[in-house]
Every structure is written in C-alpha cells, then in structure tokens.
Amino acid sequence: MTFLSALSVIVGALGLAAGVIAYFRAQSAEQEAQKAVQYALAQSAEALARASDAVGRSQAASAAAAGVARQAGDLADVAQLADRKADRALQASDEALTRSGAAMQGITAVVKRVDESGQARLEAGVVRWECEQVKKSLWVARNVGTLVARTALLSDATEPPKPIRPEEVIPRDVAPGDHLQFQAFPEKGVRSPRVRLAWKVDGDPAMHSQELTLIIE
C-alpha cells in the first residue's frame, strides 16, 4: 500500500467518524427538542388550567357582586322605609309636645285661679279667738279676727267636761271685737281646762271650730 492509499484510508476513516459523531449529535439534539416540546406542552397545559381556574373565580366573583348589589338594593329600600317611619314618629312626637304644652298651660291657669281664690279668701278676713280673764272666775272669748262669727257658741272641751260654764247657750253672731262670756272654775287635778268655739262665716256653709287652753292660777 502506497502512502496515498494509506492517506485515503485515514481520511475516509476520519470522515466516517465525523459522520457517526454528527449522527449521534443529531439524535441527541432531537431528544432535547422532544424534551423541550414536552416541557412546553406541560407548561401550556398548566397555564390553561390556571386560566380556567381564573375564569371560574371571575364568574363566582361576578355572581357574588350581583348578590351584593341585590342586597344593597334591598337595604336601600329598608333604609327608605325606616326614614319614613322616623318622619312619622317625629311628627307624632311634635304633636304630643304640642298637646303637653297646652295641658301645662291649662294646669297653670287652674293653679293660678286656685291661688287667686285662696288669696281672696285670706284678704276677705278670718275669725280668730282669744281668751281673757276678767275676774277670778269670769272669762271672755273675744273675736279678734276681721269677720263676723255667725251662730257662734262656746262649750267645755275639758276631759272630762266640768270646769267651764258658758253663760250663753244659744248661738249668736259675734262681730269683730265682741265676745262670748263664760266662767272657769279650778277643779282638783285640772289646772288647764279647755274651751271650744264653733261658728260659721258668710259664704261658707261649713262649721269652723277652735279650741283654747286656759291657765288658771
């Protein structure tokens, strides 16, 4: 074998080896490409699943928003109804206050009339009695008021009644300054006998009375 023949064999072997290497590299590249495609498909499937989940959540959110909107509308209706009721209650309260004010004015007027009537009676005068010892056993009950004591009568108010002896047993009118006369005697065990005056006044059908205690020395 000549040198050229040997060189041709070597070159051919090298070309074959390069072809084999290129084949295996091509196979490896194809496998890598398949892996890349599979990975891309897996990523696409995952992205699709996420997108589908997002769409489901978006639909649920839309449904919830619609429900909230309906509830908001219902609440608005309730609020309007409550406002109307509050307006009616406020109107009723104002009317009650007005009636209460009118009632208070009426009560004030009645109280004023009662006060004026009482004051008028006070200004008209009263009957008031005082006892005075004239002699040892002789006493008088004097009207020191400003009204006439109608059908006035004096009696013994001592318990038991005994020390007082009225000198007038028939009721009579006693004018201011006038008196009813009686006798008071000391009794054993009784140092403070009592007398009772009874009378009426003009314009008042009721019977009035007053009791007085005597100090007998």
C-alpha atoms as a PDB file:
ATOM      1  CA  MET A   1       0.000   0.000   0.000  1.00  0.00           C
ATOM      2  CA  THR A   2       1.335   3.309  -1.066  1.00  0.00           C
ATOM      3  CA  PHE A   3       1.313   6.465   1.045  1.00  0.00           C
ATOM      4  CA  LEU A   4      -1.580   7.950  -0.903  1.00  0.00           C
ATOM      5  CA  SER A   5      -3.626   4.836  -0.439  1.00  0.00           C
ATOM      6  CA  ALA A   6      -2.945   4.913   3.279  1.00  0.00           C
ATOM      7  CA  LEU A   7      -3.775   8.602   3.469  1.00  0.00           C
ATOM      8  CA  SER A   8      -7.048   7.971   1.616  1.00  0.00           C
ATOM      9  CA  VAL A   9      -7.971   5.250   4.094  1.00  0.00           C
ATOM     10  CA  ILE A  10      -7.231   7.556   7.037  1.00  0.00           C
ATOM     11  CA  VAL A  11      -9.229  10.413   5.542  1.00  0.00           C
ATOM     12  CA  GLY A  12     -12.145   8.091   4.877  1.00  0.00           C
ATOM     13  CA  ALA A  13     -11.998   6.777   8.428  1.00  0.00           C
ATOM     14  CA  LEU A  14     -11.987  10.290   9.781  1.00  0.00           C
ATOM     15  CA  GLY A  15     -14.976  11.228   7.603  1.00  0.00           C
ATOM     16  CA  LEU A  16     -16.820   8.138   8.799  1.00  0.00           C
ATOM     17  CA  ALA A  17     -16.054   9.013  12.394  1.00  0.00           C
ATOM     18  CA  ALA A  18     -17.253  12.570  11.812  1.00  0.00           C
ATOM     19  CA  GLY A  19     -20.451  11.254  10.264  1.00  0.00           C
ATOM     20  CA  VAL A  20     -21.055   8.928  13.215  1.00  0.00           C
ATOM     21  CA  ILE A  21     -20.442  11.780  15.631  1.00  0.00           C
ATOM     22  CA  ALA A  22     -22.791  14.040  13.646  1.00  0.00           C
ATOM     23  CA  TYR A  23     -25.431  11.301  13.703  1.00  0.00           C
ATOM     24  CA  PHE A  24     -25.254  10.880  17.439  1.00  0.00           C
ATOM     25  CA  ARG A  25     -25.295  14.663  17.912  1.00  0.00           C
ATOM     26  CA  ALA A  26     -28.367  14.861  15.685  1.00  0.00           C
ATOM     27  CA  GLN A  27     -30.034  12.131  17.769  1.00  0.00           C
ATOM     28  CA  SER A  28     -29.203  13.979  20.984  1.00  0.00           C
ATOM     29  CA  ALA A  29     -30.493  17.269  19.561  1.00  0.00           C
ATOM     30  CA  GLU A  30     -33.724  15.574  18.534  1.00  0.00           C
ATOM     31  CA  GLN A  31     -34.167  14.168  22.031  1.00  0.00           C
ATOM     32  CA  GLU A  32     -33.505  17.573  23.531  1.00  0.00           C
ATOM     33  CA  ALA A  33     -36.013  19.093  21.123  1.00  0.00           C
ATOM     34  CA  GLN A  34     -38.607  16.475  22.127  1.00  0.00           C
ATOM     35  CA  LYS A  35     -37.978  17.230  25.810  1.00  0.00           C
ATOM     36  CA  ALA A  36     -38.338  20.939  25.078  1.00  0.00           C
ATOM     37  CA  VAL A  37     -41.628  20.324  23.254  1.00  0.00           C
ATOM     38  CA  GLN A  38     -42.924  18.130  26.104  1.00  0.00           C
ATOM     39  CA  TYR A  39     -41.939  20.774  28.673  1.00  0.00           C
ATOM     40  CA  ALA A  40     -43.621  23.472  26.595  1.00  0.00           C
ATOM     41  CA  LEU A  41     -46.775  21.342  26.322  1.00  0.00           C
ATOM     42  CA  ALA A  42     -46.772  20.757  30.089  1.00  0.00           C
ATOM     43  CA  GLN A  43     -46.351  24.488  30.745  1.00  0.00           C
ATOM     44  CA  SER A  44     -49.155  25.243  28.293  1.00  0.00           C
ATOM     45  CA  ALA A  45     -51.464  22.748  29.998  1.00  0.00           C
ATOM     46  CA  GLU A  46     -50.682  24.241  33.409  1.00  0.00           C
ATOM     47  CA  ALA A  47     -51.263  27.758  32.084  1.00  0.00           C
ATOM     48  CA  LEU A  48     -54.566  26.622  30.569  1.00  0.00           C
ATOM     49  CA  ALA A  49     -55.626  25.110  33.906  1.00  0.00           C
ATOM     50  CA  ARG A  50     -54.742  28.350  35.711  1.00  0.00           C
ATOM     51  CA  ALA A  51     -56.638  30.350  33.127  1.00  0.00           C
ATOM     52  CA  SER A  52     -59.674  28.114  33.538  1.00  0.00           C
ATOM     53  CA  ASP A  53     -59.472  28.480  37.334  1.00  0.00           C
ATOM     54  CA  ALA A  54     -59.211  32.249  36.966  1.00  0.00           C
ATOM     55  CA  VAL A  55     -62.274  32.268  34.712  1.00  0.00           C
ATOM     56  CA  GLY A  56     -64.196  30.233  37.330  1.00  0.00           C
ATOM     57  CA  ARG A  57     -63.181  32.621  40.082  1.00  0.00           C
ATOM     58  CA  SER A  58     -64.134  35.577  37.946  1.00  0.00           C
ATOM     59  CA  GLN A  59     -67.585  34.098  37.346  1.00  0.00           C
ATOM     60  CA  ALA A  60     -68.009  33.402  41.071  1.00  0.00           C
ATOM     61  CA  ALA A  61     -66.931  36.960  41.849  1.00  0.00           C
ATOM     62  CA  SER A  62     -69.431  38.306  39.327  1.00  0.00           C
ATOM     63  CA  ALA A  63     -72.210  36.237  40.907  1.00  0.00           C
ATOM     64  CA  ALA A  64     -71.237  37.441  44.381  1.00  0.00           C
ATOM     65  CA  ALA A  65     -71.144  41.048  43.179  1.00  0.00           C
ATOM     66  CA  ALA A  66     -74.623  40.633  41.715  1.00  0.00           C
ATOM     67  CA  GLY A  67     -75.856  39.246  45.059  1.00  0.00           C
ATOM     68  CA  VAL A  68     -74.276  42.140  46.921  1.00  0.00           C
ATOM     69  CA  ALA A  69     -75.911  44.561  44.520  1.00  0.00           C
ATOM     70  CA  ARG A  70     -79.306  42.950  45.153  1.00  0.00           C
ATOM     71  CA  GLN A  71     -78.726  43.095  48.926  1.00  0.00           C
ATOM     72  CA  ALA A  72     -77.664  46.734  48.614  1.00  0.00           C
ATOM     73  CA  GLY A  73     -80.891  47.468  46.778  1.00  0.00           C
ATOM     74  CA  ASP A  74     -82.903  45.693  49.499  1.00  0.00           C
ATOM     75  CA  LEU A  75     -81.028  47.651  52.189  1.00  0.00           C
ATOM     76  CA  ALA A  76     -81.752  50.879  50.363  1.00  0.00           C
ATOM     77  CA  ASP A  77     -85.465  50.026  50.368  1.00  0.00           C
ATOM     78  CA  VAL A  78     -85.306  49.199  54.079  1.00  0.00           C
ATOM     79  CA  ALA A  79     -83.488  52.474  54.767  1.00  0.00           C
ATOM     80  CA  GLN A  80     -86.152  54.445  52.899  1.00  0.00           C
ATOM     81  CA  LEU A  81     -88.892  52.673  54.866  1.00  0.00           C
ATOM     82  CA  ALA A  82     -87.063  53.421  58.141  1.00  0.00           C
ATOM     83  CA  ASP A  83     -86.738  57.086  57.143  1.00  0.00           C
ATOM     84  CA  ARG A  84     -90.479  57.287  56.508  1.00  0.00           C
ATOM     85  CA  LYS A  85     -91.242  55.668  59.870  1.00  0.00           C
ATOM     86  CA  ALA A  86     -88.815  58.020  61.617  1.00  0.00           C
ATOM     87  CA  ASP A  87     -90.517  61.021  59.984  1.00  0.00           C
ATOM     88  CA  ARG A  88     -93.932  59.793  61.174  1.00  0.00           C
ATOM     89  CA  ALA A  89     -92.579  59.195  64.714  1.00  0.00           C
ATOM     90  CA  LEU A  90     -91.053  62.688  64.796  1.00  0.00           C
ATOM     91  CA  GLN A  91     -94.334  64.202  63.664  1.00  0.00           C
ATOM     92  CA  ALA A  92     -96.214  62.272  66.373  1.00  0.00           C
ATOM     93  CA  SER A  93     -93.672  63.459  68.968  1.00  0.00           C
ATOM     94  CA  ASP A  94     -94.159  67.085  67.902  1.00  0.00           C
ATOM     95  CA  GLU A  95     -97.931  66.694  68.189  1.00  0.00           C
ATOM     96  CA  ALA A  96     -97.558  65.129  71.666  1.00  0.00           C
ATOM     97  CA  LEU A  97     -95.321  68.006  72.786  1.00  0.00           C
ATOM     98  CA  THR A  98     -97.868  70.500  71.500  1.00  0.00           C
ATOM     99  CA  ARG A  99    -100.680  68.769  73.406  1.00  0.00           C
ATOM    100  CA  SER A 100     -98.465  68.568  76.523  1.00  0.00           C
ATOM    101  CA  GLY A 101     -97.733  72.303  76.301  1.00  0.00           C
ATOM    102  CA  ALA A 102    -101.431  73.067  76.016  1.00  0.00           C
ATOM    103  CA  ALA A 103    -102.160  70.831  79.032  1.00  0.00           C
ATOM    104  CA  MET A 104     -99.450  72.555  81.081  1.00  0.00           C
ATOM    105  CA  GLN A 105    -100.938  75.945  80.202  1.00  0.00           C
ATOM    106  CA  GLY A 106    -104.327  74.696  81.388  1.00  0.00           C
ATOM    107  CA  ILE A 107    -102.860  73.382  84.658  1.00  0.00           C
ATOM    108  CA  THR A 108    -101.033  76.678  85.213  1.00  0.00           C
ATOM    109  CA  ALA A 109    -104.260  78.588  84.679  1.00  0.00           C
ATOM    110  CA  VAL A 110    -106.113  76.358  87.169  1.00  0.00           C
ATOM    111  CA  VAL A 111    -103.345  76.733  89.773  1.00  0.00           C
ATOM    112  CA  LYS A 112    -103.392  80.496  89.260  1.00  0.00           C
ATOM    113  CA  ARG A 113    -107.158  80.587  89.784  1.00  0.00           C
ATOM    114  CA  VAL A 114    -106.824  78.461  92.943  1.00  0.00           C
ATOM    115  CA  ASP A 115    -104.077  80.735  94.269  1.00  0.00           C
ATOM    116  CA  GLU A 116    -106.111  83.820  93.491  1.00  0.00           C
ATOM    117  CA  SER A 117    -109.159  82.275  95.175  1.00  0.00           C
ATOM    118  CA  GLY A 118    -107.118  81.397  98.286  1.00  0.00           C
ATOM    119  CA  GLN A 119    -105.608  84.872  98.363  1.00  0.00           C
ATOM    120  CA  ALA A 120    -109.047  86.402  98.010  1.00  0.00           C
ATOM    121  CA  ARG A 121    -110.277  84.378 100.975  1.00  0.00           C
ATOM    122  CA  LEU A 122    -107.277  85.474 103.027  1.00  0.00           C
ATOM    123  CA  GLU A 123    -107.825  89.085 102.081  1.00  0.00           C
ATOM    124  CA  ALA A 124    -111.520  88.735 102.936  1.00  0.00           C
ATOM    125  CA  GLY A 125    -110.587  88.056 106.572  1.00  0.00           C
ATOM    126  CA  VAL A 126    -110.809  85.365 109.241  1.00  0.00           C
ATOM    127  CA  VAL A 127    -112.386  84.675 112.608  1.00  0.00           C
ATOM    128  CA  ARG A 128    -109.874  84.207 115.416  1.00  0.00           C
ATOM    129  CA  TRP A 129    -110.462  83.863 119.151  1.00  0.00           C
ATOM    130  CA  GLU A 130    -108.519  84.831 122.247  1.00  0.00           C
ATOM    131  CA  CYS A 131    -109.498  84.166 125.877  1.00  0.00           C
ATOM    132  CA  GLU A 132    -109.135  86.840 128.539  1.00  0.00           C
ATOM    133  CA  GLN A 133    -109.672  86.568 132.294  1.00  0.00           C
ATOM    134  CA  VAL A 134    -111.915  89.430 133.514  1.00  0.00           C
ATOM    135  CA  LYS A 135    -112.316  88.438 137.166  1.00  0.00           C
ATOM    136  CA  LYS A 136    -111.278  85.499 139.298  1.00  0.00           C
ATOM    137  CA  SER A 137    -113.685  83.058 137.639  1.00  0.00           C
ATOM    138  CA  LEU A 138    -115.084  85.217 134.835  1.00  0.00           C
ATOM    139  CA  TRP A 139    -113.591  84.903 131.352  1.00  0.00           C
ATOM    140  CA  VAL A 140    -114.421  86.084 127.846  1.00  0.00           C
ATOM    141  CA  ALA A 141    -113.623  84.572 124.439  1.00  0.00           C
ATOM    142  CA  ARG A 142    -113.109  87.576 122.142  1.00  0.00           C
ATOM    143  CA  ASN A 143    -113.301  87.561 118.323  1.00  0.00           C
ATOM    144  CA  VAL A 144    -110.030  89.268 117.364  1.00  0.00           C
ATOM    145  CA  GLY A 145    -110.444  88.456 113.675  1.00  0.00           C
ATOM    146  CA  THR A 146    -111.927  90.554 110.871  1.00  0.00           C
ATOM    147  CA  LEU A 147    -115.078  88.550 110.061  1.00  0.00           C
ATOM    148  CA  VAL A 148    -118.361  88.120 111.898  1.00  0.00           C
ATOM    149  CA  ALA A 149    -118.606  84.703 113.568  1.00  0.00           C
ATOM    150  CA  ARG A 150    -122.114  83.545 112.638  1.00  0.00           C
ATOM    151  CA  THR A 151    -124.104  81.388 115.101  1.00  0.00           C
ATOM    152  CA  ALA A 152    -121.098  81.216 117.418  1.00  0.00           C
ATOM    153  CA  LEU A 153    -121.266  79.031 120.513  1.00  0.00           C
ATOM    154  CA  LEU A 154    -118.807  78.290 123.352  1.00  0.00           C
ATOM    155  CA  SER A 155    -118.600  74.897 125.076  1.00  0.00           C
ATOM    156  CA  ASP A 156    -116.424  72.930 127.521  1.00  0.00           C
ATOM    157  CA  ALA A 157    -113.674  70.900 125.790  1.00  0.00           C
ATOM    158  CA  THR A 158    -112.066  69.622 129.007  1.00  0.00           C
ATOM    159  CA  GLU A 159    -111.854  65.866 129.555  1.00  0.00           C
ATOM    160  CA  PRO A 160    -113.995  65.166 131.470  1.00  0.00           C
ATOM    161  CA  PRO A 161    -116.054  68.362 130.849  1.00  0.00           C
ATOM    162  CA  LYS A 162    -116.768  70.176 134.098  1.00  0.00           C
ATOM    163  CA  PRO A 163    -114.685  73.314 134.819  1.00  0.00           C
ATOM    164  CA  ILE A 164    -116.205  75.516 132.042  1.00  0.00           C
ATOM    165  CA  ARG A 165    -119.699  77.007 132.366  1.00  0.00           C
ATOM    166  CA  PRO A 166    -120.846  79.079 129.350  1.00  0.00           C
ATOM    167  CA  GLU A 167    -123.144  81.993 130.176  1.00  0.00           C
ATOM    168  CA  GLU A 168    -124.728  81.837 126.694  1.00  0.00           C
ATOM    169  CA  VAL A 169    -126.281  78.589 125.479  1.00  0.00           C
ATOM    170  CA  ILE A 170    -127.992  79.960 122.375  1.00  0.00           C
ATOM    171  CA  PRO A 171    -125.765  80.516 119.277  1.00  0.00           C
ATOM    172  CA  ARG A 172    -125.456  84.121 118.171  1.00  0.00           C
ATOM    173  CA  ASP A 173    -123.397  86.264 115.797  1.00  0.00           C
ATOM    174  CA  VAL A 174    -120.189  87.654 117.284  1.00  0.00           C
ATOM    175  CA  ALA A 175    -118.746  90.656 115.439  1.00  0.00           C
ATOM    176  CA  PRO A 176    -115.007  91.501 115.453  1.00  0.00           C
ATOM    177  CA  GLY A 177    -114.180  92.857 118.941  1.00  0.00           C
ATOM    178  CA  ASP A 178    -117.281  91.282 120.516  1.00  0.00           C
ATOM    179  CA  HIS A 179    -117.056  88.297 122.863  1.00  0.00           C
ATOM    180  CA  LEU A 180    -118.765  85.311 124.467  1.00  0.00           C
ATOM    181  CA  GLN A 181    -118.678  85.216 128.280  1.00  0.00           C
ATOM    182  CA  PHE A 182    -118.125  82.110 130.423  1.00  0.00           C
ATOM    183  CA  GLN A 183    -116.953  81.026 133.861  1.00  0.00           C
ATOM    184  CA  ALA A 184    -113.978  78.800 134.595  1.00  0.00           C
ATOM    185  CA  PHE A 185    -113.551  77.153 137.990  1.00  0.00           C
ATOM    186  CA  PRO A 186    -110.458  75.310 139.185  1.00  0.00           C
ATOM    187  CA  GLU A 187    -111.061  71.625 139.638  1.00  0.00           C
ATOM    188  CA  LYS A 188    -108.966  69.175 141.607  1.00  0.00           C
ATOM    189  CA  GLY A 189    -106.372  67.701 139.247  1.00  0.00           C
ATOM    190  CA  VAL A 190    -107.318  70.066 136.382  1.00  0.00           C
ATOM    191  CA  ARG A 191    -105.091  73.117 136.036  1.00  0.00           C
ATOM    192  CA  SER A 192    -105.584  73.742 132.314  1.00  0.00           C
ATOM    193  CA  PRO A 193    -109.235  73.465 131.247  1.00  0.00           C
ATOM    194  CA  ARG A 194    -110.109  73.900 127.559  1.00  0.00           C
ATOM    195  CA  VAL A 195    -112.889  75.757 125.755  1.00  0.00           C
ATOM    196  CA  ARG A 196    -114.202  75.095 122.258  1.00  0.00           C
ATOM    197  CA  LEU A 197    -115.574  77.813 119.925  1.00  0.00           C
ATOM    198  CA  ALA A 198    -117.738  76.811 116.966  1.00  0.00           C
ATOM    199  CA  TRP A 199    -119.048  79.189 114.272  1.00  0.00           C
ATOM    200  CA  LYS A 200    -119.764  79.774 110.586  1.00  0.00           C
ATOM    201  CA  VAL A 201    -118.796  82.548 108.187  1.00  0.00           C
ATOM    202  CA  ASP A 202    -120.672  84.154 105.329  1.00  0.00           C
ATOM    203  CA  GLY A 203    -120.342  82.322 102.042  1.00  0.00           C
ATOM    204  CA  ASP A 204    -119.125  79.083 103.690  1.00  0.00           C
ATOM    205  CA  PRO A 205    -121.698  76.556 104.930  1.00  0.00           C
ATOM    206  CA  ALA A 206    -119.047  74.529 106.830  1.00  0.00           C
ATOM    207  CA  MET A 207    -118.790  74.739 110.604  1.00  0.00           C
ATOM    208  CA  HIS A 208    -115.477  76.061 111.914  1.00  0.00           C
ATOM    209  CA  SER A 209    -114.018  75.406 115.365  1.00  0.00           C
ATOM    210  CA  GLN A 210    -111.101  76.414 117.560  1.00  0.00           C
ATOM    211  CA  GLU A 211    -110.000  75.131 120.991  1.00  0.00           C
ATOM    212  CA  LEU A 212    -108.143  77.233 123.571  1.00  0.00           C
ATOM    213  CA  THR A 213    -106.400  76.206 126.805  1.00  0.00           C
ATOM    214  CA  LEU A 214    -106.835  78.298 129.935  1.00  0.00           C
ATOM    215  CA  ILE A 215    -104.189  78.695 132.637  1.00  0.00           C
ATOM    216  CA  ILE A 216    -105.947  79.078 135.972  1.00  0.00           C
ATOM    217  CA  GLU A 217    -103.759  80.189 138.854  1.00  0.00           C
END
